[in-house]
Protein backbone atom coordinates (compact mmCIF):
# COMPACT_ATOMS: atom_id res chain seq x y z
CA UNK A 1 80.19 113.92 105.08
CA UNK A 2 83.11 111.62 104.36
CA UNK A 3 84.09 108.09 105.23
CA UNK A 4 87.00 109.04 107.47
CA UNK A 5 84.72 111.15 109.69
CA UNK A 6 82.05 108.43 109.67
CA UNK A 7 84.54 105.78 110.77
CA UNK A 8 85.85 108.09 113.50
CA UNK A 9 82.26 108.38 114.75
CA UNK A 10 81.93 104.59 114.74
CA UNK A 11 85.12 104.28 116.79
CA UNK A 12 84.01 107.00 119.19
CA UNK A 13 80.76 105.23 120.04
CA UNK A 14 81.62 101.55 119.50
CA UNK A 15 84.34 99.64 121.34
CA UNK A 16 83.28 96.13 120.29
CA UNK A 17 85.42 94.82 117.43
CA UNK A 18 82.68 92.43 116.35
CA UNK A 19 80.13 95.26 116.13
CA UNK A 20 82.63 97.37 114.18
CA UNK A 21 83.19 94.45 111.80
CA UNK A 22 79.44 94.12 111.37
CA UNK A 23 79.16 97.78 110.38
CA UNK A 24 82.12 97.40 108.00
CA UNK A 25 80.42 94.34 106.49
CA UNK A 26 77.17 96.20 105.92
CA UNK A 27 79.15 99.11 104.45
CA UNK A 28 80.83 96.68 102.04
CA UNK A 29 77.51 95.17 100.96
CA UNK A 30 75.92 98.62 100.58
CA UNK A 31 78.79 99.85 98.41
CA UNK A 32 78.39 96.79 96.18
CA UNK A 33 74.65 97.39 95.82
CA UNK A 34 75.27 101.08 95.07
CA UNK A 35 77.53 100.03 92.19
CA UNK A 36 74.95 97.49 90.99
CA UNK A 37 72.14 100.07 91.04
CA UNK A 38 74.34 102.92 89.73
CA UNK A 39 73.86 104.94 92.94
CA UNK A 40 76.18 107.08 95.07
CA UNK A 41 78.63 104.52 96.49
CA UNK A 42 80.05 106.87 99.11
CA UNK A 43 76.62 107.83 100.48
CA UNK A 44 75.37 104.23 100.53
CA UNK A 45 78.61 103.04 102.14
CA UNK A 46 78.38 105.63 104.89
CA UNK A 47 74.79 104.60 105.61
CA UNK A 48 75.94 100.99 106.01
CA UNK A 49 78.91 102.01 108.13
CA UNK A 50 76.91 104.21 110.51
CA UNK A 51 73.67 102.21 110.80
CA UNK A 52 74.53 100.69 114.22
CA UNK A 53 77.10 103.14 115.57
CA UNK A 54 74.82 104.00 118.52
CA UNK A 55 73.83 100.41 119.32
CA UNK A 56 76.49 99.69 121.94
CA UNK A 57 75.45 102.69 124.07
CA UNK A 58 71.70 102.57 123.38
CA UNK A 59 70.72 99.01 122.38
CA UNK A 60 67.06 99.27 123.39
CA UNK A 61 64.32 100.38 121.01
CA UNK A 62 63.57 103.10 120.19
CA UNK A 63 66.78 104.62 121.57
CA UNK A 64 68.55 102.73 118.80
CA UNK A 65 68.56 104.22 116.20
CA UNK A 66 66.95 107.47 117.41
CA UNK A 67 69.84 108.53 119.67
CA UNK A 68 72.19 107.99 116.75
CA UNK A 69 69.89 109.92 114.42
CA UNK A 70 70.03 112.89 116.81
CA UNK A 71 73.83 112.75 116.87
CA UNK A 72 73.99 112.57 113.08
CA UNK A 73 71.62 115.51 112.77
CA UNK A 74 73.74 117.57 115.20
CA UNK A 75 76.79 116.78 113.07
CA UNK A 76 75.12 117.87 109.86
CA UNK A 77 74.55 114.55 108.10
CA UNK A 78 72.06 114.67 105.22
CA UNK A 79 68.42 113.86 105.98
CA UNK A 80 68.26 110.94 103.53
CA UNK A 81 71.22 109.29 105.29
CA UNK A 82 69.59 109.74 108.70
CA UNK A 83 66.23 108.51 107.39
CA UNK A 84 67.75 105.38 105.84
CA UNK A 85 69.41 104.53 109.15
CA UNK A 86 66.16 105.07 111.06
CA UNK A 87 64.22 103.00 108.52
CA UNK A 88 66.22 99.85 109.25
CA UNK A 89 64.34 99.58 112.56
CA UNK A 90 60.97 97.88 112.00
CA UNK A 91 59.57 99.31 115.22
CA UNK A 92 59.75 102.90 113.94
CA UNK A 93 56.40 102.97 112.18
CA UNK A 94 56.85 106.56 111.00
CA UNK A 95 59.95 105.52 108.98
CA UNK A 96 58.85 103.08 106.28
CA UNK A 97 61.53 102.05 103.81
CA UNK A 98 60.95 104.17 100.72
CA UNK A 99 64.15 104.59 98.74
CA UNK A 100 66.36 101.89 97.28
CA UNK A 101 69.02 102.94 99.81
CA UNK A 102 66.59 102.34 102.70
CA UNK A 103 65.64 98.94 101.29
CA UNK A 104 69.23 97.90 100.63
CA UNK A 105 70.27 98.72 104.21
CA UNK A 106 67.44 96.62 105.61
CA UNK A 107 68.24 93.78 103.20
CA UNK A 108 71.96 93.77 104.02
CA UNK A 109 71.89 94.27 107.79
CA UNK A 110 70.76 90.88 109.15
CA UNK A 111 72.14 88.96 106.19
CA UNK A 112 75.67 90.35 106.60
CA UNK A 113 75.63 89.25 110.24
CA UNK A 114 74.35 85.82 109.35
CA UNK A 115 76.96 85.33 106.61
CA UNK A 116 79.61 86.31 109.16
CA UNK A 117 78.33 83.59 111.48
CA UNK A 118 78.34 81.03 108.66
CA UNK A 119 81.90 81.92 107.65
CA UNK A 120 83.11 81.77 111.26
CA UNK A 121 82.31 78.05 111.55
CA UNK A 122 83.96 77.08 108.26
CA UNK A 123 87.69 76.28 108.03
CA UNK A 124 87.70 78.05 104.64
CA UNK A 125 86.01 81.13 106.10
CA UNK A 126 83.94 82.90 103.48
CA UNK A 127 85.87 81.32 100.59
CA UNK A 128 83.54 79.17 98.46
CA UNK A 129 80.55 79.88 100.71
CA UNK A 130 77.36 79.57 98.65
CA UNK A 131 73.72 80.52 99.12
CA UNK A 132 72.79 76.84 99.45
CA UNK A 133 74.95 76.50 102.60
CA UNK A 134 73.61 79.75 104.03
CA UNK A 135 70.01 78.66 103.38
CA UNK A 136 70.72 75.36 105.15
CA UNK A 137 72.03 77.24 108.20
CA UNK A 138 68.98 79.55 108.08
CA UNK A 139 66.82 76.49 108.74
CA UNK A 140 68.78 75.69 111.92
CA UNK A 141 67.01 77.94 114.42
CA UNK A 142 69.70 77.38 117.06
CA UNK A 143 72.45 78.64 114.72
CA UNK A 144 72.99 82.41 115.12
CA UNK A 145 69.67 82.42 116.94
CA UNK A 146 69.62 86.20 117.40
CA UNK A 147 69.43 86.77 113.64
CA UNK A 148 65.89 87.41 112.46
CA UNK A 149 65.30 85.05 109.55
CA UNK A 150 62.08 86.81 108.54
CA UNK A 151 64.00 90.09 108.15
CA UNK A 152 66.45 88.39 105.79
CA UNK A 153 63.68 87.06 103.55
CA UNK A 154 61.63 90.27 103.75
CA UNK A 155 64.69 92.38 102.96
CA UNK A 156 65.44 90.51 99.75
CA UNK A 157 61.80 90.66 98.71
CA UNK A 158 61.56 94.39 99.49
CA UNK A 159 64.70 94.97 97.43
CA UNK A 160 63.17 93.00 94.58
CA UNK A 161 65.91 90.37 94.44
CA UNK A 162 65.47 86.61 94.74
CA UNK A 163 66.87 85.41 98.08
CA UNK A 164 69.58 83.09 96.70
CA UNK A 165 70.78 85.83 94.36
CA UNK A 166 70.84 88.31 97.24
CA UNK A 167 72.80 85.91 99.47
CA UNK A 168 75.35 85.16 96.73
CA UNK A 169 75.70 88.88 95.95
CA UNK A 170 76.42 89.78 99.58
CA UNK A 171 78.83 86.84 99.94
CA UNK A 172 80.73 88.04 96.84
CA UNK A 173 80.89 91.60 98.21
CA UNK A 174 82.16 90.46 101.62
CA UNK A 175 84.68 88.09 100.03
CA UNK A 176 86.39 91.07 98.40
CA UNK A 177 87.14 92.47 101.87
CA UNK A 178 87.58 89.15 103.70
CA UNK A 179 90.82 90.17 105.45
CA UNK A 180 89.43 93.46 106.77
CA UNK A 181 86.22 91.78 107.89
CA UNK A 182 87.86 88.82 109.64
CA UNK A 183 86.40 86.30 107.18
CA UNK A 184 89.56 84.58 105.97
CA UNK A 185 90.24 80.87 106.37
CA UNK A 186 91.14 79.81 109.89
CA UNK A 187 94.68 78.63 110.45
CA UNK A 188 95.18 74.95 111.25
CA UNK A 189 98.47 75.54 113.04
């Protein structure tokens, strides 16, 4: 299991650039949390990178993430990696989030997407984005309406981190890779 092979798998199954960016964003946040918790950064990053690789082909529950889990198993990925990916789907009752890796993936998934949406409407992109602004946008139900706000709050709570701290932590992680993730300031020319 290595990142190069994992990214090749993402590219094989996902054509959408925005979905690829989402997976790269979650990978970035997961790597940052692995460092914070003194865990295996490569393993956590790969979980974040692969968590939605099957979504474009099989978006309906429970196909996503079960079809992807089958593919990962066929390719010899470790069971804890496959389990973490399955556990990010609330509708899989036989996969409760148990490990800190499972909980971090759930906590980062919806939030990374929401932060992306917040940065996209700001001329400065992700630069100087703060939890206060994100929380304000969370209250606007029409903004990024597909993002499950309850999952964002529950994810932070499950991870044992106060929501503002979690938001600021993920913003800081994504800011480090702003260019790769398409989160830089928009050009005015």
